Each structure stands twice: as structure tokens, then as C-alpha cells.
């Protein structure tokens, strides 16, 4: 094989290794929820989708955050009522909750 082909294969292999390292560090799959093959596949696909969404968020942010910090922020603020992108752009600013009109709708 030619040397440039071997270099390209090695670079591709290294990118795959980096992806697996990133998945293991940020989304540990120590325990599987289900015990059959389909449940394990679904859980792995969910981790891959979450990793892809975090990568898209990281690209959209103007402020440069490391991937692990971004995932940590999202884990911490998962159930908070904040605009996550605005918070990630400026986390030091006192973020305000926007008061929404939470009146109960009537049927009649």
C-alpha cells in the first residue's frame, strides 16, 4: 500500500478512538437499563444522539467551552427553566427567569 493511504487510514482510526474516548468520559455506559440486545442498542443510540447534539451546541456557541464542561453544564441544568444557550454564552451574568403566563386554561 502507498504511504498516503496508510496515513489516511491511521487518521481515520484515530478519530474513531477519540470518539469512543469522548463517549466513555462524558456518557458512561456502566449499567444497561435493559437486558436484551434491542434495549442495549437503543441505549447506545441515545448516547450517540446526545453526543451529536452536544457537538452541535458546541459549534453554535460563540464562547469556547470544552466538550466535557458543556456536557456537565447540561447535566446540572437539565431540569432548570433557563434558556440554555443564553446561559452558556454568559454563565457569570445573573440570569433571569422569564415569567410566563401560567394561567390554567378553561374548557368552557
PDB file of N, CA and C in Angstrom:
ATOM      1  N   UNK A   1       0.838  -1.186   0.000  1.00  0.00           N
ATOM      2  CA  UNK A   1       0.000   0.000   0.000  1.00  0.00           C
ATOM      3  C   UNK A   1       0.881   1.247   0.000  1.00  0.00           C
ATOM      4  N   UNK A   2       0.318   2.302  -0.562  1.00  0.00           N
ATOM      5  CA  UNK A   2       1.061   3.556  -0.587  1.00  0.00           C
ATOM      6  C   UNK A   2       1.048   4.204   0.788  1.00  0.00           C
ATOM      7  N   UNK A   3       2.022   5.033   1.040  1.00  0.00           N
ATOM      8  CA  UNK A   3       2.180   5.658   2.344  1.00  0.00           C
ATOM      9  C   UNK A   3       1.028   6.613   2.660  1.00  0.00           C
ATOM     10  N   UNK A   4       0.528   7.353   1.670  1.00  0.00           N
ATOM     11  CA  UNK A   4      -0.554   8.300   1.940  1.00  0.00           C
ATOM     12  C   UNK A   4      -1.854   7.586   2.302  1.00  0.00           C
ATOM     13  N   UNK A   5      -2.076   6.405   1.754  1.00  0.00           N
ATOM     14  CA  UNK A   5      -3.270   5.626   2.101  1.00  0.00           C
ATOM     15  C   UNK A   5      -3.171   5.132   3.541  1.00  0.00           C
ATOM     16  N   UNK A   6      -1.997   4.678   3.937  1.00  0.00           N
ATOM     17  CA  UNK A   6      -1.803   4.206   5.305  1.00  0.00           C
ATOM     18  C   UNK A   6      -1.984   5.349   6.297  1.00  0.00           C
ATOM     19  N   UNK A   7      -1.493   6.533   5.961  1.00  0.00           N
ATOM     20  CA  UNK A   7      -1.660   7.706   6.829  1.00  0.00           C
ATOM     21  C   UNK A   7      -3.138   8.065   6.963  1.00  0.00           C
ATOM     22  N   UNK A   8      -3.879   8.019   5.857  1.00  0.00           N
ATOM     23  CA  UNK A   8      -5.313   8.338   5.894  1.00  0.00           C
ATOM     24  C   UNK A   8      -6.078   7.325   6.745  1.00  0.00           C
ATOM     25  N   UNK A   9      -5.735   6.054   6.622  1.00  0.00           N
ATOM     26  CA  UNK A   9      -6.393   5.019   7.431  1.00  0.00           C
ATOM     27  C   UNK A   9      -6.082   5.233   8.909  1.00  0.00           C
ATOM     28  N   UNK A  10      -4.836   5.555   9.227  1.00  0.00           N
ATOM     29  CA  UNK A  10      -4.462   5.773  10.621  1.00  0.00           C
ATOM     30  C   UNK A  10      -5.172   6.989  11.205  1.00  0.00           C
ATOM     31  N   UNK A  11      -5.304   8.073  10.422  1.00  0.00           N
ATOM     32  CA  UNK A  11      -6.014   9.260  10.903  1.00  0.00           C
ATOM     33  C   UNK A  11      -7.485   8.948  11.159  1.00  0.00           C
ATOM     34  N   UNK A  12      -8.095   8.167  10.280  1.00  0.00           N
ATOM     35  CA  UNK A  12      -9.488   7.785  10.457  1.00  0.00           C
ATOM     36  C   UNK A  12      -9.645   6.919  11.702  1.00  0.00           C
ATOM     37  N   UNK A  13      -8.730   5.972  11.880  1.00  0.00           N
ATOM     38  CA  UNK A  13      -8.769   5.112  13.059  1.00  0.00           C
ATOM     39  C   UNK A  13      -8.609   5.945  14.330  1.00  0.00           C
ATOM     40  N   UNK A  14      -7.745   6.939  14.300  1.00  0.00           N
ATOM     41  CA  UNK A  14      -7.529   7.782  15.467  1.00  0.00           C
ATOM     42  C   UNK A  14      -8.766   8.601  15.796  1.00  0.00           C
ATOM     43  N   UNK A  15      -9.473   9.089  14.792  1.00  0.00           N
ATOM     44  CA  UNK A  15     -10.716   9.833  15.023  1.00  0.00           C
ATOM     45  C   UNK A  15     -11.767   8.943  15.689  1.00  0.00           C
ATOM     46  N   UNK A  16     -11.824   7.690  15.286  1.00  0.00           N
ATOM     47  CA  UNK A  16     -12.763   6.751  15.904  1.00  0.00           C
ATOM     48  C   UNK A  16     -12.383   6.512  17.364  1.00  0.00           C
ATOM     49  N   UNK A  17     -11.098   6.369  17.636  1.00  0.00           N
ATOM     50  CA  UNK A  17     -10.639   6.182  19.012  1.00  0.00           C
ATOM     51  C   UNK A  17     -10.986   7.393  19.878  1.00  0.00           C
ATOM     52  N   UNK A  18     -10.829   8.588  19.323  1.00  0.00           N
ATOM     53  CA  UNK A  18     -11.168   9.803  20.068  1.00  0.00           C
ATOM     54  C   UNK A  18     -12.666   9.875  20.363  1.00  0.00           C
ATOM     55  N   UNK A  19     -13.491   9.438  19.412  1.00  0.00           N
ATOM     56  CA  UNK A  19     -14.941   9.414  19.634  1.00  0.00           C
ATOM     57  C   UNK A  19     -15.291   8.466  20.771  1.00  0.00           C
ATOM     58  N   UNK A  20     -14.717   7.265  20.770  1.00  0.00           N
ATOM     59  CA  UNK A  20     -15.004   6.317  21.849  1.00  0.00           C
ATOM     60  C   UNK A  20     -14.514   6.838  23.192  1.00  0.00           C
ATOM     61  N   UNK A  21     -13.372   7.512  23.211  1.00  0.00           N
ATOM     62  CA  UNK A  21     -12.863   8.096  24.455  1.00  0.00           C
ATOM     63  C   UNK A  21     -13.828   9.161  24.962  1.00  0.00           C
ATOM     64  N   UNK A  22     -14.310  10.010  24.054  1.00  0.00           N
ATOM     65  CA  UNK A  22     -15.251  11.066  24.430  1.00  0.00           C
ATOM     66  C   UNK A  22     -16.549  10.473  24.966  1.00  0.00           C
ATOM     67  N   UNK A  23     -17.045   9.419  24.340  1.00  0.00           N
ATOM     68  CA  UNK A  23     -18.274   8.783  24.803  1.00  0.00           C
ATOM     69  C   UNK A  23     -18.089   8.166  26.184  1.00  0.00           C
ATOM     70  N   UNK A  24     -16.967   7.506  26.400  1.00  0.00           N
ATOM     71  CA  UNK A  24     -16.733   6.864  27.697  1.00  0.00           C
ATOM     72  C   UNK A  24     -16.553   7.886  28.816  1.00  0.00           C
ATOM     73  N   UNK A  25     -15.948   9.030  28.518  1.00  0.00           N
ATOM     74  CA  UNK A  25     -15.721  10.038  29.548  1.00  0.00           C
ATOM     75  C   UNK A  25     -16.987  10.793  29.910  1.00  0.00           C
ATOM     76  N   UNK A  26     -17.802  11.131  28.929  1.00  0.00           N
ATOM     77  CA  UNK A  26     -18.945  12.010  29.168  1.00  0.00           C
ATOM     78  C   UNK A  26     -20.271  11.286  29.338  1.00  0.00           C
ATOM     79  N   UNK A  27     -20.414  10.126  28.760  1.00  0.00           N
ATOM     80  CA  UNK A  27     -21.657   9.368  28.850  1.00  0.00           C
ATOM     81  C   UNK A  27     -21.334   7.931  29.253  1.00  0.00           C
ATOM     82  N   UNK A  28     -20.998   7.719  30.513  1.00  0.00           N
ATOM     83  CA  UNK A  28     -20.584   6.362  30.898  1.00  0.00           C
ATOM     84  C   UNK A  28     -21.738   5.366  30.779  1.00  0.00           C
ATOM     85  N   UNK A  29     -21.472   4.266  30.138  1.00  0.00           N
ATOM     86  CA  UNK A  29     -22.460   3.200  29.994  1.00  0.00           C
ATOM     87  C   UNK A  29     -22.058   2.038  30.906  1.00  0.00           C
ATOM     88  N   UNK A  30     -22.015   2.312  32.200  1.00  0.00           N
ATOM     89  CA  UNK A  30     -21.624   1.269  33.144  1.00  0.00           C
ATOM     90  C   UNK A  30     -22.725   0.242  33.313  1.00  0.00           C
ATOM     91  N   UNK A  31     -23.957   0.711  33.320  1.00  0.00           N
ATOM     92  CA  UNK A  31     -25.095  -0.175  33.519  1.00  0.00           C
ATOM     93  C   UNK A  31     -26.067   0.010  32.369  1.00  0.00           C
ATOM     94  N   UNK A  32     -26.596  -1.089  31.901  1.00  0.00           N
ATOM     95  CA  UNK A  32     -27.602  -1.032  30.847  1.00  0.00           C
ATOM     96  C   UNK A  32     -28.981  -1.190  31.476  1.00  0.00           C
ATOM     97  N   UNK A  33     -29.941  -0.428  30.965  1.00  0.00           N
ATOM     98  CA  UNK A  33     -31.284  -0.429  31.529  1.00  0.00           C
ATOM     99  C   UNK A  33     -31.981  -1.758  31.240  1.00  0.00           C
ATOM    100  N   UNK A  34     -31.871  -2.224  30.012  1.00  0.00           N
ATOM    101  CA  UNK A  34     -32.484  -3.492  29.638  1.00  0.00           C
ATOM    102  C   UNK A  34     -31.452  -4.592  29.565  1.00  0.00           C
ATOM    103  N   UNK A  35     -31.941  -5.802  29.398  1.00  0.00           N
ATOM    104  CA  UNK A  35     -31.007  -6.919  29.326  1.00  0.00           C
ATOM    105  C   UNK A  35     -31.019  -7.637  27.980  1.00  0.00           C
ATOM    106  N   UNK A  36     -31.850  -7.174  27.058  1.00  0.00           N
ATOM    107  CA  UNK A  36     -31.832  -7.813  25.749  1.00  0.00           C
ATOM    108  C   UNK A  36     -31.050  -6.946  24.749  1.00  0.00           C
ATOM    109  N   UNK A  37     -30.807  -7.490  23.599  1.00  0.00           N
ATOM    110  CA  UNK A  37     -29.970  -6.825  22.590  1.00  0.00           C
ATOM    111  C   UNK A  37     -30.584  -5.508  22.114  1.00  0.00           C
ATOM    112  N   UNK A  38     -31.885  -5.492  21.924  1.00  0.00           N
ATOM    113  CA  UNK A  38     -32.550  -4.287  21.429  1.00  0.00           C
ATOM    114  C   UNK A  38     -32.450  -3.141  22.436  1.00  0.00           C
ATOM    115  N   UNK A  39     -32.609  -3.417  23.724  1.00  0.00           N
ATOM    116  CA  UNK A  39     -32.516  -2.374  24.754  1.00  0.00           C
ATOM    117  C   UNK A  39     -31.111  -1.782  24.809  1.00  0.00           C
ATOM    118  N   UNK A  40     -30.108  -2.625  24.669  1.00  0.00           N
ATOM    119  CA  UNK A  40     -28.725  -2.142  24.698  1.00  0.00           C
ATOM    120  C   UNK A  40     -28.436  -1.283  23.474  1.00  0.00           C
ATOM    121  N   UNK A  41     -28.932  -1.704  22.313  1.00  0.00           N
ATOM    122  CA  UNK A  41     -28.747  -0.906  21.094  1.00  0.00           C
ATOM    123  C   UNK A  41     -29.412   0.456  21.234  1.00  0.00           C
ATOM    124  N   UNK A  42     -30.616   0.488  21.777  1.00  0.00           N
ATOM    125  CA  UNK A  42     -31.334   1.751  21.944  1.00  0.00           C
ATOM    126  C   UNK A  42     -30.571   2.681  22.874  1.00  0.00           C
ATOM    127  N   UNK A  43     -30.029   2.143  23.958  1.00  0.00           N
ATOM    128  CA  UNK A  43     -29.285   2.977  24.901  1.00  0.00           C
ATOM    129  C   UNK A  43     -28.015   3.526  24.253  1.00  0.00           C
ATOM    130  N   UNK A  44     -27.339   2.721  23.459  1.00  0.00           N
ATOM    131  CA  UNK A  44     -26.128   3.184  22.766  1.00  0.00           C
ATOM    132  C   UNK A  44     -26.491   4.249  21.728  1.00  0.00           C
ATOM    133  N   UNK A  45     -27.588   4.047  20.998  1.00  0.00           N
ATOM    134  CA  UNK A  45     -28.023   5.049  20.026  1.00  0.00           C
ATOM    135  C   UNK A  45     -28.386   6.363  20.712  1.00  0.00           C
ATOM    136  N   UNK A  46     -29.010   6.289  21.882  1.00  0.00           N
ATOM    137  CA  UNK A  46     -29.346   7.516  22.626  1.00  0.00           C
ATOM    138  C   UNK A  46     -28.087   8.271  23.032  1.00  0.00           C
ATOM    139  N   UNK A  47     -27.059   7.556  23.433  1.00  0.00           N
ATOM    140  CA  UNK A  47     -25.787   8.196  23.795  1.00  0.00           C
ATOM    141  C   UNK A  47     -25.157   8.841  22.560  1.00  0.00           C
ATOM    142  N   UNK A  48     -25.210   8.170  21.425  1.00  0.00           N
ATOM    143  CA  UNK A  48     -24.653   8.744  20.196  1.00  0.00           C
ATOM    144  C   UNK A  48     -25.420   9.995  19.770  1.00  0.00           C
ATOM    145  N   UNK A  49     -26.742   9.980  19.914  1.00  0.00           N
ATOM    146  CA  UNK A  49     -27.550  11.147  19.566  1.00  0.00           C
ATOM    147  C   UNK A  49     -27.253  12.300  20.518  1.00  0.00           C
ATOM    148  N   UNK A  50     -27.146  12.009  21.822  1.00  0.00           N
ATOM    149  CA  UNK A  50     -26.825  13.053  22.791  1.00  0.00           C
ATOM    150  C   UNK A  50     -25.445  13.640  22.512  1.00  0.00           C
ATOM    151  N   UNK A  51     -24.493  12.797  22.141  1.00  0.00           N
ATOM    152  CA  UNK A  51     -23.152  13.270  21.795  1.00  0.00           C
ATOM    153  C   UNK A  51     -23.202  14.182  20.570  1.00  0.00           C
ATOM    154  N   UNK A  52     -23.984  13.817  19.584  1.00  0.00           N
ATOM    155  CA  UNK A  52     -24.121  14.635  18.383  1.00  0.00           C
ATOM    156  C   UNK A  52     -24.773  15.977  18.707  1.00  0.00           C
ATOM    157  N   UNK A  53     -25.806  15.980  19.544  1.00  0.00           N
ATOM    158  CA  UNK A  53     -26.462  17.237  19.933  1.00  0.00           C
ATOM    159  C   UNK A  53     -25.518  18.149  20.703  1.00  0.00           C
ATOM    160  N   UNK A  54     -24.717  17.569  21.586  1.00  0.00           N
ATOM    161  CA  UNK A  54     -23.739  18.373  22.329  1.00  0.00           C
ATOM    162  C   UNK A  54     -22.678  18.950  21.389  1.00  0.00           C
ATOM    163  N   UNK A  55     -22.273  18.185  20.384  1.00  0.00           N
ATOM    164  CA  UNK A  55     -21.295  18.688  19.412  1.00  0.00           C
ATOM    165  C   UNK A  55     -21.876  19.844  18.603  1.00  0.00           C
ATOM    166  N   UNK A  56     -23.152  19.748  18.244  1.00  0.00           N
ATOM    167  CA  UNK A  56     -23.810  20.840  17.507  1.00  0.00           C
ATOM    168  C   UNK A  56     -23.906  22.078  18.385  1.00  0.00           C
ATOM    169  N   UNK A  57     -24.257  21.895  19.659  1.00  0.00           N
ATOM    170  CA  UNK A  57     -24.324  23.034  20.576  1.00  0.00           C
ATOM    171  C   UNK A  57     -22.955  23.679  20.744  1.00  0.00           C
ATOM    172  N   UNK A  58     -21.927  22.855  20.828  1.00  0.00           N
ATOM    173  CA  UNK A  58     -20.575  23.389  20.994  1.00  0.00           C
ATOM    174  C   UNK A  58     -20.171  24.217  19.780  1.00  0.00           C
ATOM    175  N   UNK A  59     -20.557  23.795  18.590  1.00  0.00           N
ATOM    176  CA  UNK A  59     -20.239  24.555  17.374  1.00  0.00           C
ATOM    177  C   UNK A  59     -21.012  25.864  17.310  1.00  0.00           C
ATOM    178  N   UNK A  60     -22.236  25.887  17.839  1.00  0.00           N
ATOM    179  CA  UNK A  60     -23.067  27.082  17.765  1.00  0.00           C
ATOM    180  C   UNK A  60     -22.695  28.132  18.796  1.00  0.00           C
ATOM    181  N   UNK A  61     -22.061  27.735  19.879  1.00  0.00           N
ATOM    182  CA  UNK A  61     -21.698  28.690  20.914  1.00  0.00           C
ATOM    183  C   UNK A  61     -20.583  29.612  20.442  1.00  0.00           C
ATOM    184  N   UNK A  62     -20.733  30.881  20.767  1.00  0.00           N
ATOM    185  CA  UNK A  62     -19.668  31.834  20.449  1.00  0.00           C
ATOM    186  C   UNK A  62     -18.523  31.695  21.446  1.00  0.00           C
ATOM    187  N   UNK A  63     -18.868  31.355  22.660  1.00  0.00           N
ATOM    188  CA  UNK A  63     -17.877  31.169  23.715  1.00  0.00           C
ATOM    189  C   UNK A  63     -17.331  29.743  23.609  1.00  0.00           C
ATOM    190  N   UNK A  64     -16.044  29.588  23.691  1.00  0.00           N
ATOM    191  CA  UNK A  64     -15.434  28.273  23.545  1.00  0.00           C
ATOM    192  C   UNK A  64     -15.402  27.556  24.884  1.00  0.00           C
ATOM    193  N   UNK A  65     -16.136  26.462  24.963  1.00  0.00           N
ATOM    194  CA  UNK A  65     -16.143  25.604  26.140  1.00  0.00           C
ATOM    195  C   UNK A  65     -15.623  24.232  25.727  1.00  0.00           C
ATOM    196  N   UNK A  66     -14.970  23.567  26.651  1.00  0.00           N
ATOM    197  CA  UNK A  66     -14.561  22.200  26.347  1.00  0.00           C
ATOM    198  C   UNK A  66     -15.811  21.327  26.313  1.00  0.00           C
ATOM    199  N   UNK A  67     -15.709  20.228  25.620  1.00  0.00           N
ATOM    200  CA  UNK A  67     -16.864  19.351  25.452  1.00  0.00           C
ATOM    201  C   UNK A  67     -17.331  18.809  26.798  1.00  0.00           C
ATOM    202  N   UNK A  68     -16.398  18.420  27.651  1.00  0.00           N
ATOM    203  CA  UNK A  68     -16.791  17.857  28.949  1.00  0.00           C
ATOM    204  C   UNK A  68     -17.454  18.909  29.832  1.00  0.00           C
ATOM    205  N   UNK A  69     -17.002  20.167  29.775  1.00  0.00           N
ATOM    206  CA  UNK A  69     -17.662  21.228  30.531  1.00  0.00           C
ATOM    207  C   UNK A  69     -19.075  21.481  30.020  1.00  0.00           C
ATOM    208  N   UNK A  70     -19.236  21.451  28.715  1.00  0.00           N
ATOM    209  CA  UNK A  70     -20.553  21.648  28.125  1.00  0.00           C
ATOM    210  C   UNK A  70     -21.518  20.553  28.573  1.00  0.00           C
ATOM    211  N   UNK A  71     -21.065  19.318  28.550  1.00  0.00           N
ATOM    212  CA  UNK A  71     -21.912  18.204  28.981  1.00  0.00           C
ATOM    213  C   UNK A  71     -22.239  18.332  30.465  1.00  0.00           C
ATOM    214  N   UNK A  72     -21.266  18.744  31.262  1.00  0.00           N
ATOM    215  CA  UNK A  72     -21.506  18.921  32.696  1.00  0.00           C
ATOM    216  C   UNK A  72     -22.542  20.012  32.960  1.00  0.00           C
ATOM    217  N   UNK A  73     -22.431  21.145  32.270  1.00  0.00           N
ATOM    218  CA  UNK A  73     -23.423  22.209  32.415  1.00  0.00           C
ATOM    219  C   UNK A  73     -24.817  21.701  32.048  1.00  0.00           C
ATOM    220  N   UNK A  74     -24.915  20.945  30.980  1.00  0.00           N
ATOM    221  CA  UNK A  74     -26.219  20.444  30.550  1.00  0.00           C
ATOM    222  C   UNK A  74     -26.781  19.441  31.551  1.00  0.00           C
ATOM    223  N   UNK A  75     -25.920  18.610  32.135  1.00  0.00           N
ATOM    224  CA  UNK A  75     -26.392  17.653  33.146  1.00  0.00           C
ATOM    225  C   UNK A  75     -26.901  18.381  34.381  1.00  0.00           C
ATOM    226  N   UNK A  76     -26.183  19.423  34.800  1.00  0.00           N
ATOM    227  CA  UNK A  76     -26.564  20.152  36.012  1.00  0.00           C
ATOM    228  C   UNK A  76     -27.865  20.915  35.806  1.00  0.00           C
ATOM    229  N   UNK A  77     -28.023  21.558  34.663  1.00  0.00           N
ATOM    230  CA  UNK A  77     -29.173  22.430  34.423  1.00  0.00           C
ATOM    231  C   UNK A  77     -30.253  21.775  33.566  1.00  0.00           C
ATOM    232  N   UNK A  78     -30.312  20.475  33.608  1.00  0.00           N
ATOM    233  CA  UNK A  78     -31.272  19.763  32.769  1.00  0.00           C
ATOM    234  C   UNK A  78     -32.713  20.080  33.134  1.00  0.00           C
ATOM    235  N   UNK A  79     -32.990  20.226  34.418  1.00  0.00           N
ATOM    236  CA  UNK A  79     -34.363  20.457  34.849  1.00  0.00           C
ATOM    237  C   UNK A  79     -34.600  21.883  35.323  1.00  0.00           C
ATOM    238  N   UNK A  80     -33.730  22.800  34.994  1.00  0.00           N
ATOM    239  CA  UNK A  80     -33.937  24.210  35.323  1.00  0.00           C
ATOM    240  C   UNK A  80     -34.636  24.903  34.162  1.00  0.00           C
ATOM    241  N   UNK A  81     -35.452  25.873  34.494  1.00  0.00           N
ATOM    242  CA  UNK A  81     -36.170  26.621  33.471  1.00  0.00           C
ATOM    243  C   UNK A  81     -35.334  27.821  33.035  1.00  0.00           C
ATOM    244  N   UNK A  82     -34.307  27.568  32.268  1.00  0.00           N
ATOM    245  CA  UNK A  82     -33.462  28.630  31.729  1.00  0.00           C
ATOM    246  C   UNK A  82     -33.270  28.382  30.243  1.00  0.00           C
ATOM    247  N   UNK A  83     -32.917  29.442  29.549  1.00  0.00           N
ATOM    248  CA  UNK A  83     -32.544  29.299  28.145  1.00  0.00           C
ATOM    249  C   UNK A  83     -31.084  28.861  28.140  1.00  0.00           C
ATOM    250  N   UNK A  84     -30.842  27.618  27.803  1.00  0.00           N
ATOM    251  CA  UNK A  84     -29.526  27.022  27.984  1.00  0.00           C
ATOM    252  C   UNK A  84     -28.459  27.705  27.134  1.00  0.00           C
ATOM    253  N   UNK A  85     -28.769  28.051  25.913  1.00  0.00           N
ATOM    254  CA  UNK A  85     -27.769  28.680  25.048  1.00  0.00           C
ATOM    255  C   UNK A  85     -27.378  30.055  25.585  1.00  0.00           C
ATOM    256  N   UNK A  86     -28.358  30.841  26.076  1.00  0.00           N
ATOM    257  CA  UNK A  86     -28.040  32.151  26.652  1.00  0.00           C
ATOM    258  C   UNK A  86     -27.203  31.993  27.913  1.00  0.00           C
ATOM    259  N   UNK A  87     -27.532  30.989  28.711  1.00  0.00           N
ATOM    260  CA  UNK A  87     -26.764  30.750  29.927  1.00  0.00           C
ATOM    261  C   UNK A  87     -25.333  30.333  29.603  1.00  0.00           C
ATOM    262  N   UNK A  88     -25.165  29.487  28.607  1.00  0.00           N
ATOM    263  CA  UNK A  88     -23.820  29.027  28.253  1.00  0.00           C
ATOM    264  C   UNK A  88     -22.981  30.134  27.625  1.00  0.00           C
ATOM    265  N   UNK A  89     -23.635  31.081  26.962  1.00  0.00           N
ATOM    266  CA  UNK A  89     -22.900  32.206  26.391  1.00  0.00           C
ATOM    267  C   UNK A  89     -22.328  33.102  27.489  1.00  0.00           C
ATOM    268  N   UNK A  90     -23.100  33.300  28.569  1.00  0.00           N
ATOM    269  CA  UNK A  90     -22.645  34.174  29.639  1.00  0.00           C
ATOM    270  C   UNK A  90     -23.075  33.596  30.990  1.00  0.00           C
ATOM    271  N   UNK A  91     -22.372  32.585  31.518  1.00  0.00           N
ATOM    272  CA  UNK A  91     -22.801  31.969  32.780  1.00  0.00           C
ATOM    273  C   UNK A  91     -22.547  32.837  34.006  1.00  0.00           C
ATOM    274  N   UNK A  92     -21.651  33.816  33.920  1.00  0.00           N
ATOM    275  CA  UNK A  92     -21.364  34.661  35.073  1.00  0.00           C
ATOM    276  C   UNK A  92     -22.444  35.708  35.320  1.00  0.00           C
ATOM    277  N   UNK A  93     -23.193  36.039  34.292  1.00  0.00           N
ATOM    278  CA  UNK A  93     -24.266  37.021  34.411  1.00  0.00           C
ATOM    279  C   UNK A  93     -25.413  36.414  35.216  1.00  0.00           C
ATOM    280  N   UNK A  94     -26.029  37.220  36.027  1.00  0.00           N
ATOM    281  CA  UNK A  94     -27.197  36.741  36.765  1.00  0.00           C
ATOM    282  C   UNK A  94     -28.315  36.524  35.768  1.00  0.00           C
ATOM    283  N   UNK A  95     -28.660  35.287  35.526  1.00  0.00           N
ATOM    284  CA  UNK A  95     -29.699  35.000  34.551  1.00  0.00           C
ATOM    285  C   UNK A  95     -31.050  35.102  35.217  1.00  0.00           C
ATOM    286  N   UNK A  96     -31.983  35.666  34.486  1.00  0.00           N
ATOM    287  CA  UNK A  96     -33.325  35.908  34.996  1.00  0.00           C
ATOM    288  C   UNK A  96     -34.291  34.918  34.381  1.00  0.00           C
ATOM    289  N   UNK A  97     -35.141  34.429  35.188  1.00  0.00           N
ATOM    290  CA  UNK A  97     -36.198  33.578  34.664  1.00  0.00           C
ATOM    291  C   UNK A  97     -37.247  34.474  34.021  1.00  0.00           C
ATOM    292  N   UNK A  98     -37.649  34.102  32.865  1.00  0.00           N
ATOM    293  CA  UNK A  98     -38.717  34.862  32.227  1.00  0.00           C
ATOM    294  C   UNK A  98     -40.041  34.362  32.779  1.00  0.00           C
ATOM    295  N   UNK A  99     -40.818  35.295  33.251  1.00  0.00           N
ATOM    296  CA  UNK A  99     -42.108  34.923  33.814  1.00  0.00           C
ATOM    297  C   UNK A  99     -43.084  34.692  32.666  1.00  0.00           C
ATOM    298  N   UNK A 100     -43.580  33.483  32.640  1.00  0.00           N
ATOM    299  CA  UNK A 100     -44.536  33.144  31.606  1.00  0.00           C
ATOM    300  C   UNK A 100     -45.932  33.173  32.216  1.00  0.00           C
ATOM    301  N   UNK A 101     -46.870  33.425  31.381  1.00  0.00           N
ATOM    302  CA  UNK A 101     -48.250  33.440  31.826  1.00  0.00           C
ATOM    303  C   UNK A 101     -48.696  31.986  32.002  1.00  0.00           C
ATOM    304  N   UNK A 102     -48.730  31.527  33.233  1.00  0.00           N
ATOM    305  CA  UNK A 102     -49.029  30.137  33.521  1.00  0.00           C
ATOM    306  C   UNK A 102     -50.456  29.946  34.025  1.00  0.00           C
ATOM    307  N   UNK A 103     -51.363  30.714  33.502  1.00  0.00           N
ATOM    308  CA  UNK A 103     -52.747  30.579  33.921  1.00  0.00           C
ATOM    309  C   UNK A 103     -53.336  29.283  33.352  1.00  0.00           C
ATOM    310  N   UNK A 104     -54.171  28.691  34.138  1.00  0.00           N
ATOM    311  CA  UNK A 104     -54.806  27.461  33.683  1.00  0.00           C
ATOM    312  C   UNK A 104     -55.895  27.810  32.670  1.00  0.00           C
ATOM    313  N   UNK A 105     -55.917  27.086  31.604  1.00  0.00           N
ATOM    314  CA  UNK A 105     -56.920  27.308  30.579  1.00  0.00           C
ATOM    315  C   UNK A 105     -58.247  26.704  31.020  1.00  0.00           C
ATOM    316  N   UNK A 106     -59.340  27.359  30.618  1.00  0.00           N
ATOM    317  CA  UNK A 106     -60.656  26.845  30.955  1.00  0.00           C
ATOM    318  C   UNK A 106     -61.256  26.154  29.736  1.00  0.00           C
ATOM    319  N   UNK A 107     -62.047  25.158  30.011  1.00  0.00           N
ATOM    320  CA  UNK A 107     -62.670  24.431  28.912  1.00  0.00           C
ATOM    321  C   UNK A 107     -63.958  25.101  28.451  1.00  0.00           C
ATOM    322  N   UNK A 108     -64.641  25.799  29.350  1.00  0.00           N
ATOM    323  CA  UNK A 108     -65.939  26.378  28.995  1.00  0.00           C
ATOM    324  C   UNK A 108     -65.912  27.873  29.147  1.00  0.00           C
TER     325      UNK A 108
END
